[in-house]
Amino acid sequence: MYFVTVNKKPWIMFCKTPSERAALGLTEQQVVQLLRRGSGKDDWQVFAEWSAGDFSHTDFMAAMHHRQEPADPAGLLEILPASLRQKLGA
């Protein structure tokens, strides 16, 4: 799977999945956020977030490289380390 990086405030890095059903954002505070598309084209809703120190956005994208995009954005959580999934309740 690949990501398409776009400029989107307030994130310092924001990239969408190929289907544009989900996105990955990095805040200035070094928080990684997984987002799903809301009702509008520019409506994004955070459904998971964690410190980049726990699992960076780069590590996340690299881990998804040889995988298919899941039909449900929540499926993206499967690649997180088990300890982080547990912390998020995923």
C-alpha atoms as a PDB file:
ATOM      1  CA  MET A   1       0.000   0.000   0.000  1.00  0.00           C
ATOM      2  CA  TYR A   2       1.174   3.522  -0.617  1.00  0.00           C
ATOM      3  CA  PHE A   3       0.228   6.908   0.833  1.00  0.00           C
ATOM      4  CA  VAL A   4      -0.349  10.180  -0.987  1.00  0.00           C
ATOM      5  CA  THR A   5       1.085  13.130   0.921  1.00  0.00           C
ATOM      6  CA  VAL A   6      -0.788  16.420   0.779  1.00  0.00           C
ATOM      7  CA  ASN A   7      -0.498  19.754   2.570  1.00  0.00           C
ATOM      8  CA  LYS A   8      -3.294  19.930   5.143  1.00  0.00           C
ATOM      9  CA  LYS A   9      -3.391  22.135   8.199  1.00  0.00           C
ATOM     10  CA  PRO A  10      -3.052  21.692  11.155  1.00  0.00           C
ATOM     11  CA  TRP A  11      -0.856  18.634  10.459  1.00  0.00           C
ATOM     12  CA  ILE A  12       2.827  19.014   9.616  1.00  0.00           C
ATOM     13  CA  MET A  13       2.530  15.770   7.627  1.00  0.00           C
ATOM     14  CA  PHE A  14      -0.733  14.428   6.236  1.00  0.00           C
ATOM     15  CA  CYS A  15      -1.156  11.548   3.832  1.00  0.00           C
ATOM     16  CA  LYS A  16      -4.139   9.648   2.496  1.00  0.00           C
ATOM     17  CA  THR A  17      -4.587   5.994   1.638  1.00  0.00           C
ATOM     18  CA  PRO A  18      -5.183   5.168  -2.042  1.00  0.00           C
ATOM     19  CA  SER A  19      -8.973   4.943  -1.545  1.00  0.00           C
ATOM     20  CA  GLU A  20      -8.960   8.154   0.527  1.00  0.00           C
ATOM     21  CA  ARG A  21     -11.073   6.402   3.182  1.00  0.00           C
ATOM     22  CA  ALA A  22      -8.302   6.900   5.742  1.00  0.00           C
ATOM     23  CA  ALA A  23      -5.378   9.202   6.410  1.00  0.00           C
ATOM     24  CA  LEU A  24      -2.349   9.487   8.652  1.00  0.00           C
ATOM     25  CA  GLY A  25      -1.397  12.803  10.204  1.00  0.00           C
ATOM     26  CA  LEU A  26       1.480  14.051  12.335  1.00  0.00           C
ATOM     27  CA  THR A  27       0.943  17.052  14.601  1.00  0.00           C
ATOM     28  CA  GLU A  28       3.538  19.610  15.706  1.00  0.00           C
ATOM     29  CA  GLN A  29       3.391  17.954  19.129  1.00  0.00           C
ATOM     30  CA  GLN A  30       4.671  14.704  17.510  1.00  0.00           C
ATOM     31  CA  VAL A  31       1.345  12.920  17.870  1.00  0.00           C
ATOM     32  CA  VAL A  32       0.474  10.449  15.115  1.00  0.00           C
ATOM     33  CA  GLN A  33      -3.221  10.423  14.248  1.00  0.00           C
ATOM     34  CA  LEU A  34      -5.180   7.912  12.193  1.00  0.00           C
ATOM     35  CA  LEU A  35      -8.200   9.489  10.598  1.00  0.00           C
ATOM     36  CA  ARG A  36     -11.215   8.286   8.671  1.00  0.00           C
ATOM     37  CA  ARG A  37     -13.157  10.302   6.139  1.00  0.00           C
ATOM     38  CA  GLY A  38     -16.221  12.023   7.520  1.00  0.00           C
ATOM     39  CA  SER A  39     -19.302  13.128   5.652  1.00  0.00           C
ATOM     40  CA  GLY A  40     -17.581  15.785   3.524  1.00  0.00           C
ATOM     41  CA  LYS A  41     -14.558  15.789   1.250  1.00  0.00           C
ATOM     42  CA  ASP A  42     -12.387  17.694   3.737  1.00  0.00           C
ATOM     43  CA  ASP A  43     -13.997  16.209   6.864  1.00  0.00           C
ATOM     44  CA  TRP A  44     -11.544  13.948   8.711  1.00  0.00           C
ATOM     45  CA  GLN A  45     -12.226  12.322  12.084  1.00  0.00           C
ATOM     46  CA  VAL A  46      -9.463  11.037  14.356  1.00  0.00           C
ATOM     47  CA  PHE A  47     -10.097   7.452  15.457  1.00  0.00           C
ATOM     48  CA  ALA A  48      -6.692   6.669  17.001  1.00  0.00           C
ATOM     49  CA  GLU A  49      -3.648   8.634  18.120  1.00  0.00           C
ATOM     50  CA  TRP A  50      -0.362   7.940  19.843  1.00  0.00           C
ATOM     51  CA  SER A  51       3.032   9.502  20.489  1.00  0.00           C
ATOM     52  CA  ALA A  52       5.431   9.343  17.566  1.00  0.00           C
ATOM     53  CA  GLY A  53       8.025   8.197  20.102  1.00  0.00           C
ATOM     54  CA  ASP A  54       6.000   4.999  20.609  1.00  0.00           C
ATOM     55  CA  PHE A  55       5.618   4.240  16.870  1.00  0.00           C
ATOM     56  CA  SER A  56       6.551   6.883  14.313  1.00  0.00           C
ATOM     57  CA  HIS A  57       4.512   7.797  11.245  1.00  0.00           C
ATOM     58  CA  THR A  58       7.469   6.595   9.154  1.00  0.00           C
ATOM     59  CA  ASP A  59       7.449   3.200  10.883  1.00  0.00           C
ATOM     60  CA  PHE A  60       3.698   2.985  10.325  1.00  0.00           C
ATOM     61  CA  MET A  61       3.943   3.705   6.597  1.00  0.00           C
ATOM     62  CA  ALA A  62       6.893   1.314   6.177  1.00  0.00           C
ATOM     63  CA  ALA A  63       4.931  -1.453   7.916  1.00  0.00           C
ATOM     64  CA  MET A  64       2.016  -0.929   5.494  1.00  0.00           C
ATOM     65  CA  HIS A  65       4.237  -0.996   2.394  1.00  0.00           C
ATOM     66  CA  HIS A  66       3.664  -4.647   1.444  1.00  0.00           C
ATOM     67  CA  ARG A  67       0.068  -4.839   2.669  1.00  0.00           C
ATOM     68  CA  GLN A  68      -3.254  -4.198   1.003  1.00  0.00           C
ATOM     69  CA  GLU A  69      -5.364  -1.305   2.211  1.00  0.00           C
ATOM     70  CA  PRO A  70      -8.062  -2.690   4.519  1.00  0.00           C
ATOM     71  CA  ALA A  71     -11.701  -2.080   3.543  1.00  0.00           C
ATOM     72  CA  ASP A  72     -12.360  -0.638   7.002  1.00  0.00           C
ATOM     73  CA  PRO A  73      -9.905   2.047   8.169  1.00  0.00           C
ATOM     74  CA  ALA A  74      -9.879   0.439  11.637  1.00  0.00           C
ATOM     75  CA  GLY A  75      -7.971  -2.446  10.038  1.00  0.00           C
ATOM     76  CA  LEU A  76      -4.945  -0.139   9.874  1.00  0.00           C
ATOM     77  CA  LEU A  77      -4.548  -0.587  13.627  1.00  0.00           C
ATOM     78  CA  GLU A  78      -3.524  -4.223  13.131  1.00  0.00           C
ATOM     79  CA  ILE A  79       0.059  -3.263  12.271  1.00  0.00           C
ATOM     80  CA  LEU A  80       0.666  -1.353  15.494  1.00  0.00           C
ATOM     81  CA  PRO A  81       2.859  -3.081  18.074  1.00  0.00           C
ATOM     82  CA  ALA A  82       0.773  -5.208  20.444  1.00  0.00           C
ATOM     83  CA  SER A  83       1.634  -3.024  23.446  1.00  0.00           C
ATOM     84  CA  LEU A  84       0.405   0.093  21.633  1.00  0.00           C
ATOM     85  CA  ARG A  85      -2.787  -1.632  20.426  1.00  0.00           C
ATOM     86  CA  GLN A  86      -3.458  -2.645  24.005  1.00  0.00           C
ATOM     87  CA  LYS A  87      -2.858   0.911  25.246  1.00  0.00           C
ATOM     88  CA  LEU A  88      -5.328   2.204  22.621  1.00  0.00           C
ATOM     89  CA  GLY A  89      -7.849  -0.505  23.414  1.00  0.00           C
ATOM     90  CA  ALA A  90      -7.739  -1.724  19.805  1.00  0.00           C
END
